Protein backbone atom coordinates (compact mmCIF):
# COMPACT_ATOMS: atom_id res chain seq x y z
CA MET A 1 22.94 44.02 12.07
CA THR A 2 22.98 44.68 8.68
CA ASN A 3 25.31 45.58 5.68
CA GLY A 4 24.27 48.90 4.21
CA LYS A 5 25.60 48.31 1.09
CA ARG A 6 23.55 45.21 0.38
CA GLY A 7 20.89 45.49 3.13
CA VAL A 8 21.58 41.94 3.89
CA LEU A 9 20.89 40.60 7.45
CA ARG A 10 23.49 39.05 9.87
CA LEU A 11 24.19 37.97 13.37
CA PRO A 12 27.06 37.63 14.96
CA GLY A 13 27.83 33.76 15.28
CA ALA A 14 27.10 34.01 19.81
CA VAL A 15 23.69 35.99 18.79
CA ALA A 16 22.72 33.71 16.44
CA ARG A 17 23.66 30.43 18.58
CA SER A 18 21.96 32.16 21.35
CA ALA A 19 18.80 32.97 19.19
CA LEU A 20 18.44 29.60 18.00
CA HIS A 21 18.46 27.84 21.16
CA PRO A 22 15.18 25.75 22.05
CA ARG A 23 14.33 27.88 24.76
CA VAL A 24 14.09 30.95 22.69
CA LEU A 25 12.29 29.22 20.23
CA ARG A 26 9.84 27.45 22.30
CA THR A 27 8.38 30.92 22.74
CA GLY A 28 6.03 32.28 19.87
CA ALA A 29 8.29 35.32 19.75
CA GLY A 30 11.30 33.13 19.11
CA ALA A 31 10.15 31.27 16.09
CA ARG A 32 7.93 34.67 14.38
CA ALA A 33 11.39 36.49 14.73
CA TRP A 34 13.50 33.71 12.25
CA ARG A 35 10.69 33.58 9.94
CA ILE A 36 11.19 36.92 9.67
CA VAL A 37 15.22 36.47 8.98
CA VAL A 38 14.35 33.71 6.12
CA SER A 39 12.01 35.78 4.33
CA ALA A 40 14.67 38.36 4.72
CA PRO A 41 15.76 40.18 0.81
CA GLY A 42 19.20 39.76 0.01
CA LEU A 43 20.02 36.70 0.85
CA SER A 44 21.77 34.03 -1.35
CA ASP A 45 19.74 30.57 -1.89
CA SER A 46 22.18 28.89 -0.25
CA LEU A 47 22.76 31.24 2.96
CA ARG A 48 18.59 30.71 3.02
CA PHE A 49 18.79 27.59 2.86
CA ARG A 50 21.56 27.08 5.22
CA ILE A 51 19.60 29.07 8.17
CA ALA A 52 15.92 27.48 7.60
CA GLN A 53 18.15 24.24 8.11
CA ARG A 54 19.60 25.25 11.51
CA VAL A 55 16.33 26.90 12.17
CA ARG A 56 14.18 23.53 11.76
CA ASP A 57 16.43 22.11 13.63
CA SER A 58 16.69 23.68 16.72
CA LEU A 59 12.45 23.95 16.08
CA ASP A 60 11.88 20.61 16.07
CA LYS A 61 14.35 19.90 19.41
CA ALA A 62 11.81 22.62 20.96
CA ASN A 63 8.99 20.55 20.03
CA ARG A 64 7.17 22.90 17.56
CA PRO A 65 7.14 21.06 14.47
CA GLU A 66 4.12 23.61 13.36
CA GLY A 67 6.85 26.63 13.74
CA ALA A 68 9.26 24.11 11.70
CA VAL A 69 7.16 23.92 9.05
CA LEU A 70 6.50 27.65 8.78
CA THR A 71 9.96 28.46 9.02
CA LEU A 72 10.59 25.84 5.68
CA SER A 73 7.59 27.08 3.60
CA SER A 74 8.47 30.86 4.05
CA ALA A 75 12.42 30.35 3.54
CA ALA A 76 11.10 28.09 0.01
CA ARG A 77 8.44 31.39 -0.83
CA ARG A 78 11.48 33.19 -1.18
CA THR A 79 14.11 31.01 -2.66
CA SER A 80 14.55 31.21 -6.36
CA SER A 81 16.38 27.90 -6.65
CA ALA A 82 14.66 24.99 -7.92
CA ARG A 83 16.61 22.73 -5.71
CA HIS A 84 16.85 24.31 -2.61
CA ARG A 85 12.98 25.32 -3.01
CA ALA A 86 12.01 21.39 -3.40
CA ASP A 87 14.35 20.60 -0.61
CA LEU A 88 12.78 23.04 2.03
CA LEU A 89 9.37 22.03 0.85
CA GLY A 90 10.16 18.55 1.04
CA ASP A 91 11.16 18.75 4.44
CA ALA A 92 8.17 20.48 5.22
CA ALA A 93 6.13 18.06 4.42
CA ARG A 94 8.20 15.25 5.91
CA LEU A 95 8.60 16.88 9.60
CA GLU A 96 4.47 16.40 9.54
CA LEU A 97 4.51 13.08 8.15
CA ALA A 98 6.76 12.26 11.09
CA ARG A 99 4.60 13.32 13.22
CA GLY A 100 1.80 11.54 11.43
CA ARG A 101 -0.33 14.12 9.54
CA SER A 102 -0.81 14.62 6.46
CA PRO A 103 1.33 17.87 5.07
CA ARG A 104 -0.02 21.04 4.36
CA ALA A 105 2.86 21.76 1.82
CA LEU A 106 2.43 17.87 -0.08
CA THR A 107 0.76 19.36 -3.38
CA ALA A 108 3.45 22.36 -3.30
CA ALA A 109 6.21 19.85 -2.27
CA LEU A 110 4.92 17.26 -5.14
CA THR A 111 4.55 19.87 -7.62
CA THR A 112 8.33 21.99 -7.47
CA GLU A 113 9.97 18.12 -6.90
CA LEU A 114 8.27 16.91 -10.51
CA SER A 115 8.93 20.33 -12.09
CA TYR A 116 12.64 19.97 -11.38
CA ALA A 117 12.40 16.47 -12.53
CA ASP A 118 11.03 17.66 -15.72
CA ALA A 119 13.51 19.89 -16.27
CA GLN A 120 16.56 17.94 -15.38
CA LEU A 121 15.04 15.29 -17.82
CA ALA A 122 14.99 18.08 -20.77
CA ALA A 123 18.61 18.98 -19.98
CA GLY A 124 19.38 15.51 -20.59
CA GLU A 125 20.26 14.71 -16.70
CA ALA A 126 18.46 11.28 -16.85
CA THR A 127 20.02 9.92 -13.70
CA VAL A 128 19.30 12.98 -11.34
CA ALA A 129 15.96 13.67 -13.02
CA ALA A 130 14.83 9.80 -11.54
CA ALA A 131 16.50 10.82 -8.23
CA SER A 132 13.99 13.74 -7.94
CA VAL A 133 10.99 11.29 -9.39
CA ILE A 134 11.65 8.86 -6.69
CA ARG A 135 11.49 11.82 -3.99
CA ALA A 136 8.16 12.60 -5.25
CA LEU A 137 6.62 9.30 -5.48
CA ARG A 138 8.24 8.51 -2.12
CA LEU A 139 6.34 11.56 -0.44
CA ALA A 140 3.28 10.94 -2.50
CA PHE A 141 3.02 7.46 -1.45
CA HIS A 142 4.13 7.82 1.65
CA ARG A 143 2.46 4.90 4.53
CA VAL A 144 1.33 7.56 6.86
CA LEU A 145 -0.99 8.87 4.06
CA HIS A 146 -2.19 5.77 3.02
CA PHE A 147 -1.44 2.76 5.33
CA ASP A 148 -1.46 4.00 8.46
CA ARG A 149 -4.55 6.26 9.12
CA THR A 150 -8.56 5.24 7.92
CA THR A 151 -8.19 7.43 5.46
CA SER A 152 -6.58 7.92 2.05
CA PRO A 153 -6.73 11.16 -0.31
CA LEU A 154 -5.79 8.48 -3.12
CA ALA A 155 -8.80 6.25 -2.25
CA GLN A 156 -10.72 9.39 -2.31
CA ASP A 157 -9.80 10.81 -5.56
CA PRO A 158 -7.27 9.47 -7.25
CA GLY A 159 -6.93 11.90 -9.83
CA ALA A 160 -7.18 15.04 -8.18
CA TYR A 161 -4.68 13.46 -5.89
CA LEU A 162 -2.43 12.36 -8.58
CA THR A 163 -2.75 15.71 -10.58
CA PRO A 164 1.40 16.88 -9.93
CA VAL A 165 2.38 13.28 -10.84
CA HIS A 166 0.02 13.02 -13.92
CA ALA A 167 1.38 16.04 -14.98
CA SER A 168 5.26 15.40 -14.92
CA THR A 169 7.13 14.98 -18.13
CA ALA A 170 9.39 12.78 -16.43
CA VAL A 171 6.54 10.64 -14.67
CA ARG A 172 5.20 10.00 -17.95
CA ALA A 173 8.43 9.32 -19.61
CA LEU A 174 9.04 6.35 -16.96
CA ALA A 175 5.53 5.36 -17.62
CA GLU A 176 5.61 4.96 -21.41
CA GLY A 177 7.69 1.74 -21.55
CA ALA A 178 10.13 -0.16 -23.80
CA GLY A 179 7.94 -2.85 -25.22
CA ARG A 180 9.37 -5.98 -26.03
CA SER A 181 11.53 -7.31 -28.89
CA ALA A 182 9.08 -10.29 -29.55
CA GLU A 183 5.08 -11.30 -28.58
CA PRO A 184 5.09 -14.47 -26.47
CA ALA A 185 5.87 -17.90 -28.04
CA ASP A 186 3.12 -20.15 -28.62
CA PRO A 187 3.09 -22.75 -25.68
CA PRO A 188 4.86 -25.78 -26.20
CA ALA A 189 3.38 -29.37 -27.67
CA ASP A 190 6.25 -31.39 -27.47
CA ARG A 191 6.98 -30.85 -23.53
CA PRO A 192 5.74 -29.48 -20.80
CA LEU A 193 4.79 -25.97 -19.72
CA ARG A 194 7.98 -24.34 -17.61
CA LEU A 195 6.41 -22.22 -15.36
CA LEU A 196 8.84 -19.62 -13.15
CA PHE A 197 7.40 -18.29 -9.77
CA VAL A 198 9.26 -15.28 -8.64
CA THR A 199 8.60 -13.48 -5.13
CA ARG A 200 10.44 -11.42 -2.81
CA GLY A 201 10.17 -13.18 0.42
CA ASN A 202 6.09 -13.55 0.51
CA ALA A 203 4.97 -16.30 -0.84
CA ASN A 204 1.88 -16.37 1.78
CA PHE A 205 -1.00 -16.45 -1.18
CA LEU A 206 1.43 -18.50 -3.79
CA ARG A 207 0.66 -22.31 -1.84
CA GLN A 208 -2.15 -24.02 -3.55
CA ILE A 209 -0.96 -22.35 -7.22
CA HIS A 210 2.38 -23.52 -7.02
CA ASP A 211 1.65 -27.29 -5.23
CA HIS A 212 -1.03 -27.41 -8.03
CA TYR A 213 1.50 -26.73 -10.85
CA LEU A 214 3.81 -28.69 -9.38
CA ALA A 215 1.88 -32.04 -9.52
CA HIS A 216 0.87 -31.10 -12.90
CA PRO A 217 2.24 -33.62 -15.50
CA LYS A 218 1.73 -30.84 -18.52
CA VAL A 219 3.65 -28.16 -16.22
CA GLU A 220 7.46 -27.71 -14.85
CA VAL A 221 7.97 -25.38 -12.18
CA ARG A 222 11.14 -23.65 -10.81
CA SER A 223 10.53 -21.09 -8.10
CA LEU A 224 13.28 -17.92 -7.75
CA ASP A 225 12.79 -15.93 -4.69
CA LEU A 226 14.83 -12.94 -4.95
CA ALA A 227 15.53 -12.45 -0.84
CA ASP A 228 17.64 -15.55 -1.20
CA GLU A 229 19.67 -13.59 -4.12
CA PRO A 230 21.78 -11.01 -2.86
CA ALA A 231 22.59 -9.58 -5.92
CA LEU A 232 19.22 -9.99 -7.71
CA ASP A 233 17.40 -8.42 -4.58
CA GLU A 234 20.17 -5.14 -4.41
CA LEU A 235 18.88 -4.58 -7.74
CA ALA A 236 15.33 -4.63 -7.09
CA ASN A 237 15.84 -2.45 -3.96
CA SER A 238 17.70 0.33 -6.32
CA LEU A 239 14.74 2.42 -7.26
CA THR A 240 16.93 5.57 -8.63
CA ARG A 241 18.70 2.94 -10.41
CA MET A 242 15.97 1.41 -11.87
CA ALA A 243 14.15 4.54 -12.51
CA ALA A 244 17.56 6.01 -14.26
CA HIS A 245 17.67 3.22 -16.36
CA ARG A 246 13.67 3.33 -17.91
CA LEU A 247 14.58 7.32 -18.55
CA GLY A 248 17.81 6.14 -20.91
CA ASP A 249 20.62 6.34 -18.39
CA ASP A 250 22.45 3.71 -16.18
CA SER A 251 23.54 1.34 -18.56
CA GLU A 252 25.26 -0.59 -15.84
CA PHE A 253 21.98 -1.31 -14.03
CA GLY A 254 20.39 -2.62 -17.45
CA ARG A 255 23.68 -5.30 -18.39
CA GLN A 256 23.41 -6.23 -14.60
CA ALA A 257 20.18 -7.19 -14.41
CA GLU A 258 20.37 -8.67 -18.05
CA GLU A 259 22.84 -10.74 -17.18
CA LEU A 260 21.57 -12.32 -13.80
CA LEU A 261 17.89 -12.80 -15.21
CA ARG A 262 18.88 -13.93 -18.85
CA PRO A 263 19.23 -17.29 -17.61
CA HIS A 264 15.66 -17.60 -15.65
CA LEU A 265 13.86 -16.04 -19.31
CA ASP A 266 15.72 -18.10 -20.89
CA TRP A 267 14.13 -21.74 -19.30
CA ALA A 268 10.31 -19.95 -18.80
CA ASP A 269 8.36 -20.11 -21.00
CA THR A 270 5.56 -18.31 -18.47
CA VAL A 271 6.75 -16.23 -15.50
CA PHE A 272 4.39 -15.50 -12.90
CA VAL A 273 5.39 -12.66 -10.49
CA ASP A 274 3.45 -12.71 -7.05
CA TRP A 275 3.06 -9.12 -5.64
CA CYS A 276 3.79 -5.90 -8.14
CA VAL A 277 6.71 -4.61 -6.41
CA GLY A 278 10.38 -4.56 -6.83
CA PRO A 279 10.78 -8.19 -8.63
CA ALA A 280 8.07 -7.11 -11.07
CA ALA A 281 9.90 -4.14 -11.69
CA LEU A 282 13.53 -5.65 -11.97
CA LEU A 283 12.17 -8.39 -14.05
CA THR A 284 10.64 -5.46 -16.46
CA SER A 285 13.58 -3.96 -16.82
CA VAL A 286 14.89 -6.31 -19.66
CA ASP A 287 13.47 -7.52 -22.52
CA PRO A 288 11.18 -10.99 -21.60
CA GLY A 289 11.98 -11.59 -25.48
CA THR A 290 9.29 -14.73 -26.39
CA THR A 291 8.84 -15.81 -22.47
CA ARG A 292 5.25 -14.41 -21.57
CA ILE A 293 4.78 -12.49 -18.16
CA VAL A 294 2.49 -12.56 -15.98
CA VAL A 295 2.01 -10.21 -12.95
CA ARG A 296 -0.82 -9.90 -9.58
CA LEU A 297 -1.47 -7.15 -7.67
CA HIS A 298 -2.65 -7.95 -4.30
CA SER A 299 -3.37 -4.40 -2.58
CA ALA A 300 -1.07 -2.34 -0.82
CA GLU A 301 1.35 -2.26 -3.90
CA THR A 302 -1.14 0.16 -5.53
CA PHE A 303 -1.08 2.27 -3.01
CA SER A 304 2.75 2.63 -3.53
CA LEU A 305 5.65 3.71 -6.17
CA TRP A 306 6.37 0.50 -7.48
CA PRO A 307 3.82 0.62 -10.64
CA PHE A 308 5.36 3.94 -11.75
CA LEU A 309 8.57 1.47 -11.93
CA VAL A 310 6.97 -1.37 -13.65
CA ASP A 311 7.19 -1.21 -17.30
CA PHE A 312 3.67 -2.73 -18.28
CA SER A 313 4.49 -3.12 -21.76
CA ARG A 314 6.34 -5.91 -20.90
CA VAL A 315 3.79 -7.50 -19.24
CA ASP A 316 0.87 -9.77 -20.99
CA ASP A 317 -1.22 -10.75 -18.06
CA LEU A 318 -1.96 -8.54 -14.91
CA VAL A 319 -4.33 -10.35 -12.53
CA PHE A 320 -6.16 -8.08 -9.55
CA VAL A 321 -7.71 -10.48 -6.31
CA GLY A 322 -10.68 -7.79 -6.70
CA ALA A 323 -12.31 -5.59 -9.55
CA HIS A 324 -12.44 -2.31 -7.24
CA LEU A 325 -8.27 -2.46 -7.25
CA ARG A 326 -8.23 -3.21 -10.63
CA ASP A 327 -10.60 0.38 -10.91
CA LEU A 328 -8.56 1.66 -8.99
CA THR A 329 -4.78 1.33 -9.86
CA VAL A 330 -5.75 2.04 -13.88
CA ALA A 331 -6.95 5.51 -12.16
CA VAL A 332 -3.43 5.51 -10.45
CA VAL A 333 -1.59 4.37 -13.47
CA PRO A 334 -3.47 5.49 -16.61
CA GLN A 335 -0.99 4.19 -18.96
CA LEU A 336 -2.70 0.33 -17.73
CA ALA A 337 -5.79 1.65 -20.09
CA PRO A 338 -5.93 0.21 -23.43
CA THR A 339 -5.35 3.39 -25.40
CA GLY A 340 -3.80 2.03 -28.36
CA GLN A 341 -1.02 4.24 -28.59
CA GLN A 342 1.29 1.45 -26.31
CA ARG A 343 1.20 -1.90 -25.75
CA VAL A 344 -0.68 -2.65 -22.40
CA PRO A 345 -1.24 -5.92 -20.38
CA ARG A 346 -4.89 -7.85 -20.54
CA LEU A 347 -6.09 -7.25 -17.17
CA HIS A 348 -7.88 -10.38 -15.01
CA VAL A 349 -9.40 -10.47 -11.78
CA ILE A 350 -9.18 -13.79 -9.81
CA ALA A 351 -9.82 -14.53 -6.67
CA ASN A 352 -6.97 -15.66 -3.95
CA ALA A 353 -6.32 -19.08 -3.83
CA MET A 354 -7.74 -20.82 -0.45
CA ASP A 355 -8.60 -24.52 0.97
CA LEU A 356 -11.90 -23.84 2.48
CA ALA A 357 -13.07 -27.39 2.49
CA GLY A 358 -10.34 -27.03 5.34
CA GLN A 359 -12.38 -24.05 7.48
CA VAL A 360 -15.66 -26.65 7.79
CA ARG A 361 -16.11 -27.79 11.05
CA HIS A 362 -18.94 -28.41 13.94
CA LYS A 363 -19.55 -24.93 16.06
CA ALA A 364 -21.10 -25.19 19.37
CA ASP A 365 -24.11 -23.29 19.99
CA ASP A 366 -22.71 -20.56 22.57
CA ALA A 367 -20.74 -19.33 19.53
CA ARG A 368 -23.64 -17.89 18.72
CA PHE A 369 -22.65 -14.56 20.62
CA THR A 370 -18.95 -14.96 19.60
CA LEU A 371 -18.05 -11.89 16.81
CA GLY A 372 -14.42 -12.84 15.34
CA VAL A 373 -11.80 -10.76 13.43
CA THR A 374 -8.87 -12.05 11.68
CA GLY A 375 -5.75 -10.36 11.24
CA ILE A 376 -5.36 -7.27 13.03
CA SER A 377 -1.87 -5.97 12.80
CA SER A 378 -2.45 -3.27 10.51
CA VAL A 379 -4.37 0.15 11.23
CA ALA A 380 -6.45 -0.77 7.56
CA LYS A 381 -8.13 -3.79 9.31
CA ASP A 382 -9.26 -0.88 11.85
CA PRO A 383 -10.24 -3.55 14.93
CA ARG A 384 -11.69 -0.46 16.38
CA TRP A 385 -15.01 -0.39 14.28
CA ALA A 386 -15.61 -4.05 15.55
CA ILE A 387 -14.88 -2.99 18.70
CA GLU A 388 -18.19 -0.13 18.25
CA VAL A 389 -20.01 -3.12 17.14
CA LEU A 390 -19.18 -5.14 20.09
CA ARG A 391 -20.52 -1.94 22.13
CA ILE A 392 -23.73 -1.79 20.62
CA LEU A 393 -24.26 -5.45 20.97
CA ARG A 394 -23.70 -5.42 24.46
CA ALA A 395 -25.59 -2.38 25.43
CA GLU A 396 -28.55 -4.98 24.02
CA ASP A 397 -27.21 -8.57 25.42
CA SER A 398 -24.30 -8.41 27.82
CA ARG A 399 -23.47 -12.55 25.93
CA TYR A 400 -21.92 -11.08 23.32
CA ARG A 401 -17.93 -11.01 22.98
CA LEU A 402 -15.39 -10.68 20.11
CA LEU A 403 -12.37 -12.53 19.18
CA LEU A 404 -9.18 -11.04 18.07
CA ILE A 405 -7.01 -13.00 16.17
CA GLY A 406 -3.63 -12.62 14.90
CA GLU A 407 -0.86 -10.50 15.29
CA ASP A 408 -1.90 -7.28 17.43
CA VAL A 409 -1.92 -3.85 15.91
CA ASP A 410 1.96 -2.72 15.15
CA ALA A 411 2.55 0.72 16.31
CA LYS A 412 6.28 0.92 15.86
CA LEU A 413 5.41 1.65 11.90
CA SER A 414 5.12 5.79 12.28
CA ALA A 415 3.51 8.08 14.62
CA ALA A 416 0.01 7.93 12.98
CA ALA A 417 -0.02 4.31 13.62
CA ARG A 418 0.93 4.90 17.54
CA ALA A 419 -1.94 7.70 17.44
CA TYR A 420 -4.58 4.73 15.81
CA ALA A 421 -2.76 2.09 18.70
CA ARG A 422 -3.17 4.44 21.38
CA LEU A 423 -7.14 4.81 21.05
CA TYR A 424 -6.82 1.19 20.69
CA ARG A 425 -5.59 0.14 23.72
CA GLY A 426 -8.38 2.23 25.12
CA ASP A 427 -10.90 0.06 24.40
CA LEU A 428 -9.30 -3.08 25.38
CA ALA A 429 -8.28 -1.37 28.45
CA GLU A 430 -12.12 -0.76 29.05
CA LEU A 431 -13.38 -4.01 27.53
CA GLU A 432 -10.85 -6.68 28.47
CA PRO A 433 -11.08 -7.05 32.03
CA SER A 434 -14.59 -8.39 31.53
CA GLY A 435 -13.91 -10.99 28.99
CA ALA A 436 -15.86 -8.84 26.36
CA VAL A 437 -12.75 -8.60 24.56
CA ARG A 438 -10.10 -11.28 23.80
CA ARG A 439 -7.13 -11.46 21.99
CA LEU A 440 -5.82 -14.90 20.51
CA GLY A 441 -2.33 -13.68 18.91
CA GLN A 442 -0.93 -15.70 16.36
CA LEU A 443 -2.40 -19.05 15.76
CA ASP A 444 -1.24 -21.66 13.29
CA ASP A 445 -4.76 -23.70 13.89
CA ILE A 446 -7.15 -20.96 12.29
CA PRO A 447 -9.98 -23.37 11.53
CA ALA A 448 -9.71 -24.63 15.24
CA ALA A 449 -10.28 -20.71 16.59
CA LEU A 450 -13.05 -20.19 14.12
CA THR A 451 -15.21 -23.47 15.82
CA ASP A 452 -15.50 -20.53 18.42
CA VAL A 453 -16.45 -17.80 16.04
CA GLY A 454 -20.01 -17.52 15.26
CA VAL A 455 -20.10 -13.69 13.82
CA ILE A 456 -17.63 -13.06 11.32
CA LEU A 457 -16.60 -9.39 11.09
CA SER A 458 -14.64 -7.43 8.25
CA SER A 459 -13.99 -4.00 9.65
CA SER A 460 -11.31 -2.86 7.50
CA VAL A 461 -11.22 0.20 5.40
CA ARG A 462 -9.49 -1.43 2.50
CA GLU A 463 -8.89 -5.04 1.76
CA SER A 464 -8.36 -6.42 -2.25
CA PHE A 465 -10.63 -9.83 -1.37
CA HIS A 466 -10.31 -10.47 2.46
CA CYS A 467 -9.36 -14.22 3.04
CA GLY A 468 -9.56 -14.02 6.76
CA PHE A 469 -13.33 -12.92 5.76
CA VAL A 470 -14.26 -15.55 3.82
CA GLU A 471 -12.50 -17.84 5.62
CA GLY A 472 -14.47 -17.68 8.40
CA ALA A 473 -18.16 -17.32 5.93
CA ALA A 474 -16.72 -20.81 4.74
CA SER A 475 -16.83 -22.30 8.58
CA GLY A 476 -20.10 -21.76 8.92
CA ALA A 477 -19.99 -17.77 10.64
CA VAL A 478 -22.21 -15.12 9.91
CA PRO A 479 -20.13 -12.68 7.63
CA VAL A 480 -21.04 -9.24 8.54
CA GLY A 481 -18.89 -6.96 6.56
CA ARG A 482 -18.30 -3.24 6.27
CA ASP A 483 -18.38 -1.40 3.22
CA TRP A 484 -14.62 -1.14 2.59
CA PRO A 485 -14.48 2.86 3.14
CA PHE A 486 -11.69 3.31 0.73
CA PHE A 487 -14.42 1.77 -1.94
CA ALA A 488 -17.73 2.43 -0.96
CA GLY A 489 -20.05 4.16 -3.42
CA LYS A 490 -17.57 2.99 -6.28
CA ALA A 491 -18.31 0.96 -8.99
CA ASN A 492 -17.22 -2.14 -7.51
CA GLY A 493 -16.10 -2.59 -4.30
CA ALA A 494 -16.86 -5.31 -0.76
CA ARG A 495 -20.72 -4.51 -1.86
CA THR A 496 -19.83 -5.85 -5.75
CA LEU A 497 -17.54 -8.80 -4.32
CA PHE A 498 -20.15 -10.27 -1.54
CA PRO A 499 -24.16 -11.09 -1.26
CA ALA A 500 -26.24 -7.65 -0.49
CA ASP A 501 -26.43 -9.29 2.84
CA TRP A 502 -23.33 -9.90 3.78
CA VAL A 503 -21.97 -5.84 3.50
CA VAL A 504 -23.29 -3.12 6.15
CA ALA A 505 -22.57 0.71 5.86
CA SER A 506 -22.26 1.34 9.47
CA PRO A 507 -21.85 -0.26 12.91
CA GLU A 508 -25.50 0.22 14.23
CA GLU A 509 -26.31 -1.85 10.78
CA ALA A 510 -24.08 -4.14 11.74
CA ALA A 511 -25.35 -4.60 15.09
CA GLU A 512 -28.76 -5.09 13.65
CA ARG A 513 -28.45 -7.54 11.35
CA ILE A 514 -26.09 -9.56 14.25
CA LEU A 515 -28.94 -9.60 16.61
CA LYS A 516 -31.78 -10.54 13.70
CA VAL A 517 -29.61 -13.09 12.73
CA THR A 518 -28.70 -14.53 16.28
CA ALA A 519 -32.07 -14.27 17.48
CA THR A 520 -32.57 -18.17 17.32
CA PRO A 521 -29.77 -20.77 17.43
CA GLU A 522 -31.85 -22.19 14.24
CA SER A 523 -31.50 -18.48 12.59
CA TRP A 524 -28.27 -18.46 13.04
CA ARG A 525 -27.00 -21.71 11.95
CA LYS A 526 -29.48 -21.18 8.67
CA ALA A 527 -27.90 -17.73 8.05
CA GLY A 528 -23.84 -19.58 8.63
CA GLU A 529 -24.37 -22.61 6.25
CA ALA A 530 -25.71 -20.87 3.34
CA ALA A 531 -22.69 -18.28 3.94
CA SER A 532 -20.82 -21.18 3.73
CA ALA A 533 -22.46 -22.40 0.32
CA HIS A 534 -21.64 -19.61 -0.92
CA ALA A 535 -18.43 -19.18 0.01
CA MET A 536 -17.08 -22.79 -1.21
CA ALA A 537 -19.40 -22.41 -4.87
CA ALA A 538 -17.52 -19.27 -5.80
CA TRP A 539 -14.15 -19.06 -3.94
CA ASP A 540 -13.18 -22.76 -2.89
CA TRP A 541 -9.15 -23.58 -4.63
CA THR A 542 -11.60 -26.33 -6.31
CA VAL A 543 -13.44 -23.28 -8.24
CA VAL A 544 -10.84 -21.22 -8.88
CA ARG A 545 -7.94 -23.35 -10.17
CA GLU A 546 -10.10 -23.73 -13.42
CA GLU A 547 -9.28 -19.43 -13.18
CA PHE A 548 -5.93 -19.86 -13.05
CA ASP A 549 -5.60 -23.10 -15.48
CA ARG A 550 -7.52 -20.92 -17.71
CA LEU A 551 -4.75 -18.18 -17.36
CA LEU A 552 -1.95 -20.21 -17.10
CA LEU A 553 -2.19 -23.37 -19.32
CA PRO A 554 -1.99 -24.22 -22.86
């Protein structure tokens, strides 16, 4: 029914409840009717918003997510309130992400949310602007878009994908940086260098580095793991407060961070923060004074919001484990490029620390026909690519088989991960019964498992370095690495990191290389020995530690 005075559509409560029943909304006519309702002229923004939310919930229960997305988008087009419009478009995007899809409304949702953030910052509402920026960045860097599928819009074209982010005045203000009150002091001449390692629950890539400096006569080492410090850990997870502080608000956050971190900064000459995530963002919210700050970025961080929360004007050295990650990160965070307008860190590329000598063990002759992949828990590892290589090989010779080492693909992370896992399980159901594929699970002794592997594969769509692949090569397995699609065709990638004959463009090319190099025991062992020698000369810890010494020691 309508109110003749205002032309506003109104439905009696009982009628509305009946019309919102999932049985009604499962029909195309029912869903279209509600899209007409939420698009009707004359509704106030708040009423239109409430109706759209109720229709969204009912369509969701009716298993019509597409209808819910269309309803929210229709309501957004008729909504003048910037906050309501951003919420409607954000809800539409999150509905599709929850189902493992790339949202049709993503660009509109990001643009609307960040426009609201910019307006709030201009009005002096820094905390409101901060919350809005964090909402937008969570959408832009949602794991479904970059982690749980085998493609990423960020990798394809970071500049185009992040256009709304880079155009935002609030995001630019977040990235401006507060600078530091003093440059790092010269290394001490009368005592050991005080080196503080900072992590949060993940020190997997620090063992050789930590132990090396712990035993070094000219270095005194301490470690700070935020996972063991509840107060610091809470601050490192307070994204909106952290952003608000960076935008000039929430002085209490700054006071707490200063109070908790100052004793560590006062003790250390150099702080080494592993992973460019919460601890790096928290640490750089405090002026380091004369303490030198070194941050290492691996890979996942570049596909997350964290680099936007790190004050790089307070970082002296930023370490990447691959040149391709350096290039992509600078494209994601243009403030890292030296322009002369603000202080930026020195950028370094240093390989991961690995004890490759421990991988070298004898392989039996029948290892020649065994392919191996180490680390398969994430979709980015794409073990299905390795399985496709195996299929091609077995069409020529049924002696080839595949060992999958590590925790299995984690289907619990998202709907996109579940979709990949279903296909992967189908592959296993086809090939495991015959023994063509074996899953070994998580192992304590990887070098022992590699004695059975004659060809080591890198099947990933992206890697920062791929330790498991290099360890396999060091073991004497013939390396056959995919030209990681996230970086293929760019200035740096797998083809610039590894020798040319290690890298292939397709499963067919991989199979061709494997058939050729494993044709005889002699050709296989010769290729494996050459790969091992290259890996040891390029990436063994005895080589890489010299680069860390040049970075960290006086």
